[in-house]
Amino acid sequence: MLRHLPNAICVLRIALTWPAVTAIDRGDYGTALLVFAIAALSDGIDGYLAKRFNWVSDLGRALDPLADKILLVAVFLSLTWQGLVPVWLATAAIARDVLIFAGAITYRVWFGEINGRPTVISKINTALQIAVLVLVLLVAAGVPVGNGVVLTLSIITFATTVASGVDYLARFARQAWHLPAR
């Protein structure tokens, strides 16, 4: 029964998206920060449990990145709508996810099963996206953080977002290139 705990945590992360977005919409940034932080921490917890106890499943392999994307895209959109996240950063983050999803679907349909795990740059990018959203929520909640810090982290996050998107595209292309002809 415990082997399904990582999947349950992923479902919880998806469920926490709505209260986070609702709190942002209400301007209750302290609550939004708390809910988002719990959801973000759950990503590390479910990954740790799955690896530590070998509670890995096909459902978990699909559910974990989906839960991440639902949470991050929803919070990026909400904070951008509130004018708290620059449009260029949210656009890059969402475009990267759409690009990866479209690339994965295309690869799956045309070439077969996708072999791969998240890359180092992708993991760094996800961590930076979470960090920039936490920082923006902290500022919105009234915690004094310099604008230079938010802007600097946003620029670094943008750069890793672009690098990660390009890396995924290159990976899909390399895998397809090295497949035997059908």
Protein backbone atom coordinates (compact mmCIF):
# COMPACT_ATOMS: atom_id res chain seq x y z
CA MET A 1 0.00 0.00 0.00
CA LEU A 2 2.80 2.45 0.84
CA ARG A 3 4.32 1.91 -2.60
CA HIS A 4 1.52 4.12 -4.00
CA LEU A 5 2.39 7.02 -1.67
CA PRO A 6 4.50 8.89 -4.28
CA ASN A 7 1.55 8.82 -6.70
CA ALA A 8 -0.82 10.04 -3.98
CA ILE A 9 1.58 12.91 -3.27
CA CYS A 10 1.57 13.81 -6.99
CA VAL A 11 -2.24 13.91 -6.93
CA LEU A 12 -2.05 16.11 -3.82
CA ARG A 13 0.29 18.48 -5.71
CA ILE A 14 -2.24 18.75 -8.52
CA ALA A 15 -5.02 19.34 -5.97
CA LEU A 16 -3.01 22.11 -4.27
CA THR A 17 -2.83 24.03 -7.55
CA TRP A 18 -6.39 25.31 -7.19
CA PRO A 19 -6.00 26.79 -3.68
CA ALA A 20 -2.68 28.39 -4.67
CA VAL A 21 -4.19 30.03 -7.75
CA THR A 22 -7.31 31.08 -5.83
CA ALA A 23 -5.19 32.70 -3.11
CA ILE A 24 -3.15 34.57 -5.76
CA ASP A 25 -6.37 35.75 -7.39
CA ARG A 26 -7.65 37.04 -4.03
CA GLY A 27 -4.36 38.81 -3.35
CA ASP A 28 -3.73 36.58 -0.34
CA TYR A 29 -0.07 36.07 -1.19
CA GLY A 30 0.92 34.68 2.21
CA THR A 31 -1.53 31.81 1.83
CA ALA A 32 -0.52 31.35 -1.81
CA LEU A 33 3.12 31.16 -0.73
CA LEU A 34 2.36 28.56 1.94
CA VAL A 35 0.28 26.37 -0.40
CA PHE A 36 2.78 26.70 -3.26
CA ALA A 37 5.72 25.91 -0.96
CA ILE A 38 3.98 22.77 0.33
CA ALA A 39 3.20 21.70 -3.23
CA ALA A 40 6.77 22.40 -4.37
CA LEU A 41 8.24 20.47 -1.43
CA SER A 42 5.97 17.54 -2.24
CA ASP A 43 7.82 17.17 -5.54
CA GLY A 44 11.04 16.40 -3.71
CA ILE A 45 9.31 14.15 -1.21
CA ASP A 46 7.58 11.96 -3.78
CA GLY A 47 10.78 11.67 -5.81
CA TYR A 48 12.79 10.73 -2.73
CA LEU A 49 10.27 8.09 -1.66
CA ALA A 50 10.01 6.60 -5.14
CA LYS A 51 13.80 6.28 -5.50
CA ARG A 52 14.65 5.38 -1.89
CA PHE A 53 12.13 2.57 -1.59
CA ASN A 54 11.87 1.68 -5.28
CA TRP A 55 8.22 2.70 -5.30
CA VAL A 56 8.48 3.57 -8.98
CA SER A 57 5.58 2.98 -11.35
CA ASP A 58 4.59 3.81 -14.90
CA LEU A 59 1.80 5.96 -13.50
CA GLY A 60 4.29 7.84 -11.35
CA ARG A 61 6.62 8.42 -14.29
CA ALA A 62 3.76 10.16 -16.09
CA LEU A 63 2.05 11.76 -13.09
CA ASP A 64 5.10 13.45 -11.53
CA PRO A 65 6.05 15.69 -14.47
CA LEU A 66 2.37 16.34 -15.19
CA ALA A 67 1.80 17.49 -11.60
CA ASP A 68 4.86 19.76 -11.84
CA LYS A 69 3.67 21.31 -15.09
CA ILE A 70 0.11 21.86 -13.91
CA LEU A 71 1.33 23.60 -10.74
CA LEU A 72 4.04 25.70 -12.37
CA VAL A 73 2.02 26.77 -15.42
CA ALA A 74 -1.00 27.70 -13.30
CA VAL A 75 1.06 29.74 -10.83
CA PHE A 76 3.09 31.40 -13.60
CA LEU A 77 -0.14 32.39 -15.38
CA SER A 78 -1.78 33.65 -12.19
CA LEU A 79 1.21 35.72 -11.09
CA THR A 80 1.67 37.10 -14.59
CA TRP A 81 -2.02 38.03 -14.72
CA GLN A 82 -1.49 39.92 -11.44
CA GLY A 83 1.49 41.73 -12.99
CA LEU A 84 3.97 40.13 -10.60
CA VAL A 85 5.92 37.93 -13.04
CA PRO A 86 7.28 39.36 -16.28
CA VAL A 87 5.39 38.20 -19.36
CA TRP A 88 8.66 37.22 -21.07
CA LEU A 89 9.53 34.79 -18.27
CA ALA A 90 6.08 33.20 -18.09
CA THR A 91 5.96 32.92 -21.89
CA ALA A 92 9.34 31.17 -21.98
CA ALA A 93 8.41 28.77 -19.17
CA ILE A 94 5.07 27.83 -20.70
CA ALA A 95 6.45 27.65 -24.25
CA ARG A 96 9.19 25.29 -23.04
CA ASP A 97 6.63 22.97 -21.46
CA VAL A 98 4.42 23.03 -24.55
CA LEU A 99 7.48 22.36 -26.73
CA ILE A 100 8.58 19.41 -24.59
CA PHE A 101 5.06 17.99 -24.50
CA ALA A 102 4.60 18.37 -28.27
CA GLY A 103 8.05 16.89 -28.90
CA ALA A 104 7.35 13.93 -26.64
CA ILE A 105 3.98 13.24 -28.28
CA THR A 106 5.47 13.57 -31.77
CA TYR A 107 8.36 11.29 -30.90
CA ARG A 108 6.02 8.73 -29.34
CA VAL A 109 3.68 8.70 -32.36
CA TRP A 110 6.37 8.63 -35.06
CA PHE A 111 9.23 6.75 -33.46
CA GLY A 112 8.03 4.82 -30.42
CA GLU A 113 8.74 4.79 -26.73
CA ILE A 114 10.73 7.68 -25.33
CA ASN A 115 13.91 6.71 -23.55
CA GLY A 116 15.05 9.28 -21.12
CA ARG A 117 14.91 10.98 -17.81
CA PRO A 118 14.96 14.65 -16.89
CA THR A 119 18.33 16.18 -17.68
CA VAL A 120 20.47 18.08 -15.20
CA ILE A 121 19.64 21.40 -16.90
CA SER A 122 15.95 20.53 -16.71
CA LYS A 123 16.15 19.82 -12.98
CA ILE A 124 18.08 23.05 -12.42
CA ASN A 125 15.50 24.92 -14.47
CA THR A 126 12.58 23.48 -12.48
CA ALA A 127 14.31 24.42 -9.21
CA LEU A 128 14.93 27.96 -10.50
CA GLN A 129 11.34 28.32 -11.70
CA ILE A 130 10.12 27.29 -8.26
CA ALA A 131 12.63 29.65 -6.61
CA VAL A 132 11.60 32.64 -8.72
CA LEU A 133 7.91 32.00 -8.01
CA VAL A 134 8.59 31.67 -4.27
CA LEU A 135 10.61 34.89 -4.35
CA VAL A 136 7.85 36.73 -6.22
CA LEU A 137 5.27 35.47 -3.71
CA LEU A 138 7.51 36.57 -0.84
CA VAL A 139 7.75 40.06 -2.31
CA ALA A 140 4.00 40.15 -2.96
CA ALA A 141 3.41 39.07 0.67
CA GLY A 142 5.43 42.07 1.85
CA VAL A 143 8.81 40.51 2.57
CA PRO A 144 11.46 43.07 1.63
CA VAL A 145 13.56 41.57 -1.15
CA GLY A 146 15.46 43.79 -3.52
CA ASN A 147 14.04 44.16 -7.04
CA GLY A 148 17.51 43.44 -8.37
CA VAL A 149 17.37 39.99 -6.79
CA VAL A 150 14.03 39.17 -8.44
CA LEU A 151 15.18 40.49 -11.81
CA THR A 152 18.51 38.66 -11.64
CA LEU A 153 16.88 35.37 -10.71
CA SER A 154 14.27 35.90 -13.45
CA ILE A 155 17.00 36.40 -16.08
CA ILE A 156 18.91 33.31 -14.91
CA THR A 157 15.66 31.30 -14.90
CA PHE A 158 14.87 32.54 -18.42
CA ALA A 159 18.32 31.44 -19.63
CA THR A 160 17.97 27.95 -18.13
CA THR A 161 14.44 27.69 -19.50
CA VAL A 162 15.68 28.34 -23.03
CA ALA A 163 18.70 26.05 -22.56
CA SER A 164 16.51 23.26 -21.21
CA GLY A 165 14.04 23.57 -24.09
CA VAL A 166 16.84 23.44 -26.65
CA ASP A 167 18.40 20.49 -24.81
CA TYR A 168 15.14 18.52 -24.93
CA LEU A 169 14.69 19.22 -28.64
CA ALA A 170 18.25 18.11 -29.33
CA ARG A 171 17.69 14.95 -27.31
CA PHE A 172 14.53 14.05 -29.22
CA ALA A 173 16.33 14.71 -32.51
CA ARG A 174 19.37 12.60 -31.54
CA GLN A 175 17.19 9.71 -30.42
CA ALA A 176 15.17 9.82 -33.62
CA TRP A 177 18.31 10.11 -35.77
CA HIS A 178 19.87 7.00 -34.24
CA LEU A 179 16.82 4.79 -34.69
CA PRO A 180 17.01 2.06 -37.33
CA ALA A 181 14.93 2.68 -40.45
CA ARG A 182 11.47 1.14 -40.34
